[in-house]
Amino acid sequence: MTPDPVIDERANQLAGYLASARWFGGKGRDFEVTSVESHVLGPGVTTNLVGLRYTAPEDPGTDLYQLPLSAYDEPQDRLAHAAVGYWDGQHHYDAVHDRDAMQLWLRAFAGEPVDGDVRFTTVAEHDYDLEAHSTLFSGEQSNSSMAFGEDAMLKVFRRVHPGTNPDIEIHAVLTRAGNTHVAPLFGYAEVGSDGPVQLAMLQQFFRTASDGWELALASVRNLVRETDLLPEESGGDFAGEAHRLGANLAEIHAVLADSFPSVPLDGVAVATTMQERLTAAVNVVPELAELADALAEQLATVGAVGAQSSQRVHGDLHLGQTLRTSLGWKFVDFEGEPAKELLERQQPDSPWRDVAGMIRSFDYAASTVARDLGGTDDEAAEITHRAESWTAHTTAAFLAGYTEQRETPMSDADSTLLRAYIADKAIYEAVYEARNRPGWLPIPVAALAGIAVPS
């Protein structure tokens, strides 16, 4: 479908809604809406691909966002919080907040026909509860997710691209391989045939699952309260769970290595990309300037690691991408880092990127607790010391689980790669926090200050 020309009235209202949405990745950048490509799903329900252009000369570029809409002749008080605008004689709302509209999505996944050209593909058969209404999740996400009843979850992608979404691609491979460490993929939706744009995925939902991030925070709090105990003596010791996480990740990496082509890792290219990311980060986070030379030297060591393999990986792994269920750990959200372009997220990478992401997440959990508890200088120092001991203990268990499962001990080259990927992840975190959560910026900056000190 050819995008419609955008009239000023609709464009301004769409731009205003995008700029205020928590999932919009262009916050702080000037932009204008340039096109809208609308796809009908049913009466009054569409999903729209909104093209936009960033207008600052020093910050150019384009993006494509998905905005499902439901339209009504009369205003809907129940959807007032999701109002997008009024045009063409109708009131328009973000449809992910509209249970009636989202029922069309669920029924389409179950095989019922839709009015438009959105295609719904089945990966794994599932008996859907078609009477279940949608419950939208809250929290900071780059997409919008909702549960239907007890066992199905729909993720609607917000920033979209022509081509295969890694979250769908990898989940489909792991589902078909019977891997038990992911939520099985039931199906996905897309539009277009030449470089299709994938819109959403439906997968199993574990209602009683515990979030890995929350479990880790609870474990750290337990330790810092029990001032006379070592991490392994604490009642909330996380090491056993971390060991299982490492082993499960190694199993997932093995399936991905068997299912996708592996290629030699170009260490020089990886080091160059990391150093370029560091240079760009210094422009966003001035606090990194005094650390830049030392960090660049560490990143440069990747260029000399010798023969290493790269493969498809998770790409944005942290505790918030894990769920602890009665059946064990489940890994979710294989989309990769949202800020990266699709082609980059589809490329093979070292599996140590995922390992580094989880290790950074352990540090984030411990640092968050230490920051929140505070106290006098002496109390804060003691809390920080105990939080750091939790991080070291948990990291060691995670690495042990990972290396034991893959049956290969870490080599010097592995250690070099891991250190560099940990630094690269912290650099990414610093930019993200500076742009989205400035109050959290000291956590990655402190980590980078420690990384910059030669070991």
Foldseek 3Di string as FASTA:
>chain_A
DDWDADDPQLFVLQVVLLQPDLLRPQHPFAKTWGTWDWWFFAVQKIKIWTKMWGDDPVDTDIFIWIFIKGWDLDDDPQQPVFWRDDDPNTTIGRCLSPQVRCLSVVVVLVPDGGPTAKHKDFLDDDDDDSVFTWDWDDDRDNWTKTDGPAWKMKTFHTTKDQADQQQVVLLSLCLVVVQPQAFHWGIWIWGDDPSIITTMTMTTDHPPWDQQLVLLLVLLVQQLVVLVDALVPGPSRCLVLLLLVLQSQLVSVVSQPVVWPKDWDQQQVQLVVLLVLLVVLCVLPVLCVVLNVLLSVLSNVSNVLPTDMWTQHLAQAERRQWIQHPVGIHGHRSRHDPVDDNVVNPDTDHNLLNLLNHLLNLLLSLVVSLVVVPDPPVSSVSSNVSSVSSSVSNSVSNLVSNCVNNVHDDDPSNVSVNLSSNLSVLSVVLSCCSSNPVVSNVSSSVVSVVSSDDD
